[in-house]
Amino acid sequence: MMKKLLSATAVSNPTWYADERVIFHGQAKPYDYYGAKDPTIVYYGGKYHVFYTGANQSGGWQMLYTSASTISGLKNAARTYMSSIGENYFCAPQVFYFEPKKLWFLVYQDGTHGAAYATTTNIADPKSWSGPKSFGISGNMGWDYFVICDNSYAYMYNTPSDGSGKLYVRRTSLSNFPSGWGSPSVAISDTFEGANVYKSLADGKYYLTIEDQKDGRYYELWQSGSAGGPWSKVAEKWAWRGNLQYKADRWTTNVSHGEFIRAGYNQKMEINDINRVDFLIQGTNNLSGPYQKINWDLGVIRNYK
């Protein structure tokens, strides 16, 4: 008898319920004076660990860390500047535990290497990270680096800075990670930035989410049978202002750079079900003015009641 899947098909136009904001800009001045952005989140050791970008007054972007035992507890948790890997420009983090090396990896973009990473054995100590270190990649560089692994390879996705609207992917073997990357190829086109890739345990498929800006900021959804693609589009506007409902205040009309709360915390980027997602995003009601000065805050939206 076949095992029944929890979810056979991704819903292309779900209703998203926006909970309250849990991380506000200006809670860790001067680093986040204008905005709290680009979160990555894992649940480990009884706590949610969040790394995110702060936008300061002088044009720099730096990473901050906070943790709490509940999502709502993040509102009053201490914020810590990532001083051990500090630069004027280091941001857009992704965190996971790489089981083959028994190390936590923080993947991010920086002013030294472009595509950088740091490592630690203790995710709960923000001063324990060692970095920046280089992935050793070149060509089609830009921002928003994201890594997902299957049983054989690590895949890195990123958006170039050439305005082409393309998303690139390259891969290396698990044994060579974090080095040994091959040449990049185009994963999808006519999009923007902030791609994430997850494996859904409910149906065994891989799902790629990526931000676009053809109508405010919103998220597309793509699917594949492989972590490296090829990708087919499920929905152009999967998470956007048109399918947002508010459980608290109407704090955002944009669905921008965020990450799912995963089923685990390792390199496989697994989620339970694409139709039951808790999505920690950056949001704002006002996109006008210089990008550096937009007031972004962080909160969770979910596509289920």
C-alpha atoms as a PDB file:
ATOM      1  CA  MET A   1       0.000   0.000   0.000  1.00  0.00           C
ATOM      2  CA  MET A   2       1.424   3.363  -0.995  1.00  0.00           C
ATOM      3  CA  LYS A   3       2.101   5.888   1.732  1.00  0.00           C
ATOM      4  CA  LYS A   4      -0.189   8.874   1.398  1.00  0.00           C
ATOM      5  CA  LEU A   5       1.647  12.136   0.894  1.00  0.00           C
ATOM      6  CA  LEU A   6       0.748  15.051   3.119  1.00  0.00           C
ATOM      7  CA  SER A   7       0.634  17.367   0.121  1.00  0.00           C
ATOM      8  CA  ALA A   8       0.707  16.279  -3.506  1.00  0.00           C
ATOM      9  CA  THR A   9       0.600  19.661  -5.236  1.00  0.00           C
ATOM     10  CA  ALA A  10       1.855  23.087  -4.271  1.00  0.00           C
ATOM     11  CA  VAL A  11      -1.017  25.570  -3.996  1.00  0.00           C
ATOM     12  CA  SER A  12      -0.212  28.318  -6.485  1.00  0.00           C
ATOM     13  CA  ASN A  13      -2.236  31.122  -4.860  1.00  0.00           C
ATOM     14  CA  PRO A  14      -2.475  30.471  -1.122  1.00  0.00           C
ATOM     15  CA  THR A  15      -3.764  32.904   1.469  1.00  0.00           C
ATOM     16  CA  TRP A  16      -0.892  34.186   3.610  1.00  0.00           C
ATOM     17  CA  TYR A  17      -1.575  35.205   7.201  1.00  0.00           C
ATOM     18  CA  ALA A  18       0.777  37.907   8.456  1.00  0.00           C
ATOM     19  CA  ASP A  19       1.617  37.701  12.159  1.00  0.00           C
ATOM     20  CA  GLU A  20       3.118  40.559  14.170  1.00  0.00           C
ATOM     21  CA  ARG A  21       6.592  41.930  13.569  1.00  0.00           C
ATOM     22  CA  VAL A  22       9.209  40.329  15.816  1.00  0.00           C
ATOM     23  CA  ILE A  23      12.406  42.168  14.808  1.00  0.00           C
ATOM     24  CA  PHE A  24      12.203  45.919  14.259  1.00  0.00           C
ATOM     25  CA  HIS A  25      14.770  48.213  12.675  1.00  0.00           C
ATOM     26  CA  GLY A  26      16.497  50.503  15.165  1.00  0.00           C
ATOM     27  CA  GLN A  27      16.800  47.894  17.921  1.00  0.00           C
ATOM     28  CA  ALA A  28      20.573  47.590  17.472  1.00  0.00           C
ATOM     29  CA  LYS A  29      21.702  51.084  16.508  1.00  0.00           C
ATOM     30  CA  PRO A  30      23.841  52.158  14.756  1.00  0.00           C
ATOM     31  CA  TYR A  31      23.911  48.930  12.737  1.00  0.00           C
ATOM     32  CA  ASP A  32      20.213  48.708  11.870  1.00  0.00           C
ATOM     33  CA  TYR A  33      19.288  52.383  11.931  1.00  0.00           C
ATOM     34  CA  TYR A  34      17.213  52.184   8.734  1.00  0.00           C
ATOM     35  CA  GLY A  35      16.339  48.532   8.307  1.00  0.00           C
ATOM     36  CA  ALA A  36      16.363  44.959   9.601  1.00  0.00           C
ATOM     37  CA  LYS A  37      16.652  42.729   6.518  1.00  0.00           C
ATOM     38  CA  ASP A  38      17.584  39.410   4.896  1.00  0.00           C
ATOM     39  CA  PRO A  39      16.895  36.951   7.746  1.00  0.00           C
ATOM     40  CA  THR A  40      18.031  33.338   8.016  1.00  0.00           C
ATOM     41  CA  ILE A  41      16.566  31.181  10.773  1.00  0.00           C
ATOM     42  CA  VAL A  42      17.028  27.722  12.313  1.00  0.00           C
ATOM     43  CA  TYR A  43      15.586  26.028  15.379  1.00  0.00           C
ATOM     44  CA  TYR A  44      18.293  24.252  17.362  1.00  0.00           C
ATOM     45  CA  GLY A  45      18.940  23.505  21.017  1.00  0.00           C
ATOM     46  CA  GLY A  46      15.534  24.787  22.095  1.00  0.00           C
ATOM     47  CA  LYS A  47      15.949  28.183  20.438  1.00  0.00           C
ATOM     48  CA  TYR A  48      15.278  29.997  17.203  1.00  0.00           C
ATOM     49  CA  HIS A  49      18.573  31.428  15.963  1.00  0.00           C
ATOM     50  CA  VAL A  50      18.239  34.382  13.587  1.00  0.00           C
ATOM     51  CA  PHE A  51      20.998  36.129  11.633  1.00  0.00           C
ATOM     52  CA  TYR A  52      20.036  39.197   9.629  1.00  0.00           C
ATOM     53  CA  THR A  53      21.272  42.354   7.909  1.00  0.00           C
ATOM     54  CA  GLY A  54      21.183  45.833   9.411  1.00  0.00           C
ATOM     55  CA  ALA A  55      21.261  48.959   7.244  1.00  0.00           C
ATOM     56  CA  ASN A  56      23.179  51.808   8.877  1.00  0.00           C
ATOM     57  CA  GLN A  57      23.266  55.566   8.280  1.00  0.00           C
ATOM     58  CA  SER A  58      26.624  55.643   6.485  1.00  0.00           C
ATOM     59  CA  GLY A  59      25.672  53.254   3.677  1.00  0.00           C
ATOM     60  CA  GLY A  60      27.063  50.069   5.215  1.00  0.00           C
ATOM     61  CA  TRP A  61      25.415  46.708   5.742  1.00  0.00           C
ATOM     62  CA  GLN A  62      26.347  44.527   8.714  1.00  0.00           C
ATOM     63  CA  MET A  63      25.083  41.292  10.205  1.00  0.00           C
ATOM     64  CA  LEU A  64      23.338  40.908  13.545  1.00  0.00           C
ATOM     65  CA  TYR A  65      22.267  37.904  15.625  1.00  0.00           C
ATOM     66  CA  THR A  66      19.413  37.224  18.008  1.00  0.00           C
ATOM     67  CA  SER A  67      17.773  34.149  19.530  1.00  0.00           C
ATOM     68  CA  ALA A  68      14.771  33.163  21.634  1.00  0.00           C
ATOM     69  CA  SER A  69      12.846  30.050  22.605  1.00  0.00           C
ATOM     70  CA  THR A  70       9.739  31.273  20.782  1.00  0.00           C
ATOM     71  CA  ILE A  71       9.125  33.402  17.706  1.00  0.00           C
ATOM     72  CA  SER A  72       7.280  36.032  19.738  1.00  0.00           C
ATOM     73  CA  GLY A  73      10.167  36.026  22.216  1.00  0.00           C
ATOM     74  CA  LEU A  74      12.405  37.469  19.513  1.00  0.00           C
ATOM     75  CA  LYS A  75      10.739  40.856  20.065  1.00  0.00           C
ATOM     76  CA  ASN A  76      12.586  41.399  23.341  1.00  0.00           C
ATOM     77  CA  ALA A  77      15.695  39.276  22.790  1.00  0.00           C
ATOM     78  CA  ALA A  78      19.160  40.843  22.807  1.00  0.00           C
ATOM     79  CA  ARG A  79      20.673  41.841  19.460  1.00  0.00           C
ATOM     80  CA  THR A  80      24.374  41.196  18.871  1.00  0.00           C
ATOM     81  CA  TYR A  81      26.606  42.710  16.205  1.00  0.00           C
ATOM     82  CA  MET A  82      28.684  39.959  14.541  1.00  0.00           C
ATOM     83  CA  SER A  83      31.974  41.531  15.567  1.00  0.00           C
ATOM     84  CA  SER A  84      34.127  38.423  15.102  1.00  0.00           C
ATOM     85  CA  ILE A  85      33.611  38.581  11.318  1.00  0.00           C
ATOM     86  CA  GLY A  86      32.833  42.292  11.145  1.00  0.00           C
ATOM     87  CA  GLU A  87      33.353  44.373   8.011  1.00  0.00           C
ATOM     88  CA  ASN A  88      31.778  47.560   6.683  1.00  0.00           C
ATOM     89  CA  TYR A  89      29.910  45.369   4.207  1.00  0.00           C
ATOM     90  CA  PHE A  90      28.845  41.844   5.142  1.00  0.00           C
ATOM     91  CA  CYS A  91      25.238  40.802   4.805  1.00  0.00           C
ATOM     92  CA  ALA A  92      22.468  38.536   3.428  1.00  0.00           C
ATOM     93  CA  PRO A  93      23.293  35.471   5.557  1.00  0.00           C
ATOM     94  CA  GLN A  94      22.237  31.839   5.316  1.00  0.00           C
ATOM     95  CA  VAL A  95      22.954  29.442   8.200  1.00  0.00           C
ATOM     96  CA  PHE A  96      23.016  25.628   8.318  1.00  0.00           C
ATOM     97  CA  TYR A  97      24.863  22.775   9.995  1.00  0.00           C
ATOM     98  CA  PHE A  98      27.092  20.906   7.533  1.00  0.00           C
ATOM     99  CA  GLU A  99      27.032  17.386   8.908  1.00  0.00           C
ATOM    100  CA  PRO A 100      30.022  15.961   6.966  1.00  0.00           C
ATOM    101  CA  LYS A 101      32.374  18.452   8.646  1.00  0.00           C
ATOM    102  CA  LYS A 102      30.405  18.844  11.902  1.00  0.00           C
ATOM    103  CA  LEU A 103      30.452  22.633  11.527  1.00  0.00           C
ATOM    104  CA  TRP A 104      27.916  25.413  11.353  1.00  0.00           C
ATOM    105  CA  PHE A 105      28.281  27.448   8.156  1.00  0.00           C
ATOM    106  CA  LEU A 106      27.216  31.051   7.687  1.00  0.00           C
ATOM    107  CA  VAL A 107      27.064  31.862   3.962  1.00  0.00           C
ATOM    108  CA  TYR A 108      26.982  35.551   3.041  1.00  0.00           C
ATOM    109  CA  GLN A 109      28.154  38.309   0.724  1.00  0.00           C
ATOM    110  CA  ASP A 110      30.966  40.635   1.779  1.00  0.00           C
ATOM    111  CA  GLY A 111      33.415  43.279   0.624  1.00  0.00           C
ATOM    112  CA  THR A 112      36.469  41.023   0.875  1.00  0.00           C
ATOM    113  CA  HIS A 113      35.616  37.870  -1.086  1.00  0.00           C
ATOM    114  CA  GLY A 114      32.226  38.566  -2.620  1.00  0.00           C
ATOM    115  CA  ALA A 115      30.940  35.092  -1.778  1.00  0.00           C
ATOM    116  CA  ALA A 116      32.089  34.424   1.783  1.00  0.00           C
ATOM    117  CA  TYR A 117      31.493  32.015   4.632  1.00  0.00           C
ATOM    118  CA  ALA A 118      32.295  31.684   8.311  1.00  0.00           C
ATOM    119  CA  THR A 119      32.206  28.615  10.561  1.00  0.00           C
ATOM    120  CA  THR A 120      31.680  27.697  14.204  1.00  0.00           C
ATOM    121  CA  THR A 121      30.935  24.691  16.393  1.00  0.00           C
ATOM    122  CA  ASN A 122      28.580  26.742  18.585  1.00  0.00           C
ATOM    123  CA  ILE A 123      25.725  28.567  16.849  1.00  0.00           C
ATOM    124  CA  ALA A 124      24.583  30.063  20.165  1.00  0.00           C
ATOM    125  CA  ASP A 125      27.806  32.104  20.552  1.00  0.00           C
ATOM    126  CA  PRO A 126      27.821  34.959  18.017  1.00  0.00           C
ATOM    127  CA  LYS A 127      31.435  35.790  18.872  1.00  0.00           C
ATOM    128  CA  SER A 128      32.673  32.277  18.001  1.00  0.00           C
ATOM    129  CA  TRP A 129      32.473  32.554  14.212  1.00  0.00           C
ATOM    130  CA  SER A 130      35.705  32.318  12.221  1.00  0.00           C
ATOM    131  CA  GLY A 131      35.814  34.217   8.936  1.00  0.00           C
ATOM    132  CA  PRO A 132      35.496  35.645   6.406  1.00  0.00           C
ATOM    133  CA  LYS A 133      36.668  32.795   4.196  1.00  0.00           C
ATOM    134  CA  SER A 134      36.378  32.604   0.422  1.00  0.00           C
ATOM    135  CA  PHE A 135      34.352  30.064  -1.560  1.00  0.00           C
ATOM    136  CA  GLY A 136      36.851  30.609  -4.377  1.00  0.00           C
ATOM    137  CA  ILE A 137      34.265  31.289  -7.053  1.00  0.00           C
ATOM    138  CA  SER A 138      34.431  33.773  -9.922  1.00  0.00           C
ATOM    139  CA  GLY A 139      32.208  34.853 -12.786  1.00  0.00           C
ATOM    140  CA  ASN A 140      28.602  36.001 -12.506  1.00  0.00           C
ATOM    141  CA  MET A 141      29.209  37.274  -9.002  1.00  0.00           C
ATOM    142  CA  GLY A 142      26.697  39.485  -7.248  1.00  0.00           C
ATOM    143  CA  TRP A 143      24.668  38.768  -4.126  1.00  0.00           C
ATOM    144  CA  ASP A 144      22.268  36.526  -2.196  1.00  0.00           C
ATOM    145  CA  TYR A 145      24.271  33.311  -2.115  1.00  0.00           C
ATOM    146  CA  PHE A 146      22.289  30.240  -1.041  1.00  0.00           C
ATOM    147  CA  VAL A 147      23.500  26.649  -0.624  1.00  0.00           C
ATOM    148  CA  ILE A 148      21.506  23.415  -0.606  1.00  0.00           C
ATOM    149  CA  CYS A 149      22.882  19.870  -0.611  1.00  0.00           C
ATOM    150  CA  ASP A 150      21.583  16.463  -1.637  1.00  0.00           C
ATOM    151  CA  ASN A 151      23.375  13.196  -0.924  1.00  0.00           C
ATOM    152  CA  SER A 152      26.112  13.835  -3.500  1.00  0.00           C
ATOM    153  CA  TYR A 153      26.481  17.541  -4.247  1.00  0.00           C
ATOM    154  CA  ALA A 154      26.288  21.027  -2.816  1.00  0.00           C
ATOM    155  CA  TYR A 155      24.565  23.581  -5.053  1.00  0.00           C
ATOM    156  CA  MET A 156      25.085  27.327  -4.775  1.00  0.00           C
ATOM    157  CA  TYR A 157      22.549  29.786  -6.174  1.00  0.00           C
ATOM    158  CA  ASN A 158      23.156  33.500  -6.627  1.00  0.00           C
ATOM    159  CA  THR A 159      21.999  36.573  -8.496  1.00  0.00           C
ATOM    160  CA  PRO A 160      24.581  38.478 -10.574  1.00  0.00           C
ATOM    161  CA  SER A 161      24.937  42.248 -10.347  1.00  0.00           C
ATOM    162  CA  ASP A 162      24.543  42.841 -14.099  1.00  0.00           C
ATOM    163  CA  GLY A 163      20.801  43.518 -14.103  1.00  0.00           C
ATOM    164  CA  SER A 164      20.184  40.526 -16.382  1.00  0.00           C
ATOM    165  CA  GLY A 165      17.329  39.101 -14.316  1.00  0.00           C
ATOM    166  CA  LYS A 166      19.024  35.693 -14.261  1.00  0.00           C
ATOM    167  CA  LEU A 167      19.609  33.321 -11.367  1.00  0.00           C
ATOM    168  CA  TYR A 168      22.759  31.199 -11.548  1.00  0.00           C
ATOM    169  CA  VAL A 169      23.630  27.831 -10.026  1.00  0.00           C
ATOM    170  CA  ARG A 170      26.900  25.951  -9.668  1.00  0.00           C
ATOM    171  CA  ARG A 171      27.835  22.796  -7.784  1.00  0.00           C
ATOM    172  CA  THR A 172      30.612  20.945  -6.021  1.00  0.00           C
ATOM    173  CA  SER A 173      30.825  17.491  -4.478  1.00  0.00           C
ATOM    174  CA  LEU A 174      30.019  17.094  -0.801  1.00  0.00           C
ATOM    175  CA  SER A 175      33.565  15.872  -0.225  1.00  0.00           C
ATOM    176  CA  ASN A 176      35.020  19.066  -1.754  1.00  0.00           C
ATOM    177  CA  PHE A 177      32.642  21.538  -0.093  1.00  0.00           C
ATOM    178  CA  PRO A 178      33.187  24.440   0.522  1.00  0.00           C
ATOM    179  CA  SER A 179      35.604  24.545  -2.446  1.00  0.00           C
ATOM    180  CA  GLY A 180      35.790  22.917  -5.888  1.00  0.00           C
ATOM    181  CA  TRP A 181      32.897  24.772  -7.502  1.00  0.00           C
ATOM    182  CA  GLY A 182      32.162  24.230 -11.185  1.00  0.00           C
ATOM    183  CA  SER A 183      31.144  26.819 -13.752  1.00  0.00           C
ATOM    184  CA  PRO A 184      27.827  28.621 -13.238  1.00  0.00           C
ATOM    185  CA  SER A 185      24.810  28.000 -15.423  1.00  0.00           C
ATOM    186  CA  VAL A 186      21.486  29.823 -15.682  1.00  0.00           C
ATOM    187  CA  ALA A 187      18.843  28.274 -13.421  1.00  0.00           C
ATOM    188  CA  ILE A 188      15.966  30.655 -14.284  1.00  0.00           C
ATOM    189  CA  SER A 189      15.522  34.002 -16.058  1.00  0.00           C
ATOM    190  CA  ASP A 190      13.335  37.114 -15.901  1.00  0.00           C
ATOM    191  CA  THR A 191      13.441  37.418 -12.126  1.00  0.00           C
ATOM    192  CA  PHE A 192      15.166  39.482  -9.434  1.00  0.00           C
ATOM    193  CA  GLU A 193      17.017  38.232  -6.317  1.00  0.00           C
ATOM    194  CA  GLY A 194      16.914  36.483  -2.944  1.00  0.00           C
ATOM    195  CA  ALA A 195      16.522  32.860  -4.092  1.00  0.00           C
ATOM    196  CA  ASN A 196      16.116  30.018  -1.594  1.00  0.00           C
ATOM    197  CA  VAL A 197      15.793  26.290  -2.336  1.00  0.00           C
ATOM    198  CA  TYR A 198      14.202  23.667  -0.072  1.00  0.00           C
ATOM    199  CA  LYS A 199      13.258  20.002  -0.192  1.00  0.00           C
ATOM    200  CA  SER A 200       9.675  19.292   0.854  1.00  0.00           C
ATOM    201  CA  LEU A 201       9.372  16.064   2.828  1.00  0.00           C
ATOM    202  CA  ALA A 202       5.655  15.822   2.022  1.00  0.00           C
ATOM    203  CA  ASP A 203       6.117  15.207  -1.698  1.00  0.00           C
ATOM    204  CA  GLY A 204       9.893  14.794  -2.162  1.00  0.00           C
ATOM    205  CA  LYS A 205      10.083  17.756  -4.534  1.00  0.00           C
ATOM    206  CA  TYR A 206      12.466  20.687  -4.438  1.00  0.00           C
ATOM    207  CA  TYR A 207      11.023  24.188  -4.314  1.00  0.00           C
ATOM    208  CA  LEU A 208      12.770  27.411  -5.305  1.00  0.00           C
ATOM    209  CA  THR A 209      11.432  30.723  -4.065  1.00  0.00           C
ATOM    210  CA  ILE A 210      12.762  33.970  -5.484  1.00  0.00           C
ATOM    211  CA  GLU A 211      11.837  37.610  -5.066  1.00  0.00           C
ATOM    212  CA  ASP A 212      10.651  39.677  -8.002  1.00  0.00           C
ATOM    213  CA  GLN A 213       9.640  43.350  -8.257  1.00  0.00           C
ATOM    214  CA  LYS A 214       7.279  43.700 -11.197  1.00  0.00           C
ATOM    215  CA  ASP A 215       4.444  44.710  -8.823  1.00  0.00           C
ATOM    216  CA  GLY A 216       5.991  45.768  -5.543  1.00  0.00           C
ATOM    217  CA  ARG A 217       8.084  43.052  -3.893  1.00  0.00           C
ATOM    218  CA  TYR A 218       6.725  39.505  -4.030  1.00  0.00           C
ATOM    219  CA  TYR A 219       7.834  35.870  -4.235  1.00  0.00           C
ATOM    220  CA  GLU A 220       7.659  33.475  -7.169  1.00  0.00           C
ATOM    221  CA  LEU A 221       7.525  29.676  -6.642  1.00  0.00           C
ATOM    222  CA  TRP A 222       9.296  27.096  -8.808  1.00  0.00           C
ATOM    223  CA  GLN A 223       9.627  23.316  -8.480  1.00  0.00           C
ATOM    224  CA  SER A 224      11.978  20.534  -9.588  1.00  0.00           C
ATOM    225  CA  GLY A 225      12.833  16.902  -8.947  1.00  0.00           C
ATOM    226  CA  SER A 226      16.439  17.885  -8.232  1.00  0.00           C
ATOM    227  CA  ALA A 227      18.205  20.403  -6.008  1.00  0.00           C
ATOM    228  CA  GLY A 228      20.025  21.653  -9.094  1.00  0.00           C
ATOM    229  CA  GLY A 229      16.996  21.946 -11.375  1.00  0.00           C
ATOM    230  CA  PRO A 230      15.711  22.178 -14.098  1.00  0.00           C
ATOM    231  CA  TRP A 231      12.956  24.377 -12.693  1.00  0.00           C
ATOM    232  CA  SER A 232       9.331  24.812 -13.739  1.00  0.00           C
ATOM    233  CA  LYS A 233       7.247  27.744 -12.504  1.00  0.00           C
ATOM    234  CA  VAL A 234       4.363  27.048 -10.136  1.00  0.00           C
ATOM    235  CA  ALA A 235       3.323  30.664  -9.604  1.00  0.00           C
ATOM    236  CA  GLU A 236       4.581  34.121 -10.547  1.00  0.00           C
ATOM    237  CA  LYS A 237       2.904  35.693  -7.501  1.00  0.00           C
ATOM    238  CA  TRP A 238       2.942  32.969  -4.866  1.00  0.00           C
ATOM    239  CA  ALA A 239       3.362  35.297  -1.879  1.00  0.00           C
ATOM    240  CA  TRP A 240       2.373  38.908  -2.534  1.00  0.00           C
ATOM    241  CA  ARG A 241       0.261  41.781  -1.253  1.00  0.00           C
ATOM    242  CA  GLY A 242      -2.799  40.438  -3.078  1.00  0.00           C
ATOM    243  CA  ASN A 243      -3.019  37.287  -0.951  1.00  0.00           C
ATOM    244  CA  LEU A 244      -1.946  38.741   2.413  1.00  0.00           C
ATOM    245  CA  GLN A 245      -4.306  38.792   5.389  1.00  0.00           C
ATOM    246  CA  TYR A 246      -3.295  40.386   8.678  1.00  0.00           C
ATOM    247  CA  LYS A 247      -3.458  38.759  12.093  1.00  0.00           C
ATOM    248  CA  ALA A 248      -1.889  41.846  13.700  1.00  0.00           C
ATOM    249  CA  ASP A 249      -1.279  45.334  12.267  1.00  0.00           C
ATOM    250  CA  ARG A 250      -1.001  45.905   8.523  1.00  0.00           C
ATOM    251  CA  TRP A 251       2.767  46.222   8.717  1.00  0.00           C
ATOM    252  CA  THR A 252       3.723  45.263   5.164  1.00  0.00           C
ATOM    253  CA  THR A 253       2.367  45.360   1.641  1.00  0.00           C
ATOM    254  CA  ASN A 254       5.540  43.750   0.315  1.00  0.00           C
ATOM    255  CA  VAL A 255       6.832  40.201   0.669  1.00  0.00           C
ATOM    256  CA  SER A 256      10.591  40.613   0.485  1.00  0.00           C
ATOM    257  CA  HIS A 257      13.833  38.766   1.292  1.00  0.00           C
ATOM    258  CA  GLY A 258      13.167  36.005   3.823  1.00  0.00           C
ATOM    259  CA  GLU A 259      13.561  32.346   4.708  1.00  0.00           C
ATOM    260  CA  PHE A 260      11.359  29.426   5.705  1.00  0.00           C
ATOM    261  CA  ILE A 261      11.525  27.912   9.182  1.00  0.00           C
ATOM    262  CA  ARG A 262      12.865  24.471   8.312  1.00  0.00           C
ATOM    263  CA  ALA A 263      12.045  20.982   9.554  1.00  0.00           C
ATOM    264  CA  GLY A 264      15.696  20.593  10.547  1.00  0.00           C
ATOM    265  CA  TYR A 265      18.886  22.578  10.504  1.00  0.00           C
ATOM    266  CA  ASN A 266      21.334  20.710   8.282  1.00  0.00           C
ATOM    267  CA  GLN A 267      22.606  21.262   4.754  1.00  0.00           C
ATOM    268  CA  LYS A 268      19.649  19.518   3.087  1.00  0.00           C
ATOM    269  CA  MET A 269      17.321  22.507   3.668  1.00  0.00           C
ATOM    270  CA  GLU A 270      14.287  20.349   4.390  1.00  0.00           C
ATOM    271  CA  ILE A 271      10.791  21.622   5.100  1.00  0.00           C
ATOM    272  CA  ASN A 272       7.782  19.524   6.083  1.00  0.00           C
ATOM    273  CA  ASP A 273       5.280  20.716   3.480  1.00  0.00           C
ATOM    274  CA  ILE A 274       5.314  23.544   0.943  1.00  0.00           C
ATOM    275  CA  ASN A 275       1.642  24.168   1.778  1.00  0.00           C
ATOM    276  CA  ARG A 276       2.358  24.647   5.508  1.00  0.00           C
ATOM    277  CA  VAL A 277       5.158  27.182   5.563  1.00  0.00           C
ATOM    278  CA  ASP A 278       6.246  29.678   8.226  1.00  0.00           C
ATOM    279  CA  PHE A 279       8.077  32.353   6.245  1.00  0.00           C
ATOM    280  CA  LEU A 280      10.209  34.932   8.095  1.00  0.00           C
ATOM    281  CA  ILE A 281      10.302  37.925   5.739  1.00  0.00           C
ATOM    282  CA  GLN A 282      11.370  41.533   5.578  1.00  0.00           C
ATOM    283  CA  GLY A 283       8.433  43.832   5.029  1.00  0.00           C
ATOM    284  CA  THR A 284       7.533  47.473   4.593  1.00  0.00           C
ATOM    285  CA  ASN A 285       4.628  49.611   3.401  1.00  0.00           C
ATOM    286  CA  ASN A 286       6.828  52.171   1.673  1.00  0.00           C
ATOM    287  CA  LEU A 287       9.407  51.444  -1.040  1.00  0.00           C
ATOM    288  CA  SER A 288      10.047  55.073  -1.987  1.00  0.00           C
ATOM    289  CA  GLY A 289      13.345  56.886  -1.547  1.00  0.00           C
ATOM    290  CA  PRO A 290      16.939  55.578  -1.473  1.00  0.00           C
ATOM    291  CA  TYR A 291      17.056  51.805  -0.932  1.00  0.00           C
ATOM    292  CA  GLN A 292      19.457  52.124   2.004  1.00  0.00           C
ATOM    293  CA  LYS A 293      16.890  54.228   3.896  1.00  0.00           C
ATOM    294  CA  ILE A 294      13.836  51.986   3.484  1.00  0.00           C
ATOM    295  CA  ASN A 295      12.490  50.964   6.900  1.00  0.00           C
ATOM    296  CA  TRP A 296      12.348  47.172   6.800  1.00  0.00           C
ATOM    297  CA  ASP A 297      11.156  45.048   9.739  1.00  0.00           C
ATOM    298  CA  LEU A 298      10.951  41.268  10.120  1.00  0.00           C
ATOM    299  CA  GLY A 299       7.904  39.118  10.776  1.00  0.00           C
ATOM    300  CA  VAL A 300       6.383  35.727   9.942  1.00  0.00           C
ATOM    301  CA  ILE A 301       3.744  35.053   7.315  1.00  0.00           C
ATOM    302  CA  ARG A 302       2.210  31.572   6.903  1.00  0.00           C
ATOM    303  CA  ASN A 303       0.160  29.934   4.155  1.00  0.00           C
ATOM    304  CA  TYR A 304      -2.114  27.947   6.488  1.00  0.00           C
ATOM    305  CA  LYS A 305      -4.482  28.714   9.359  1.00  0.00           C
END
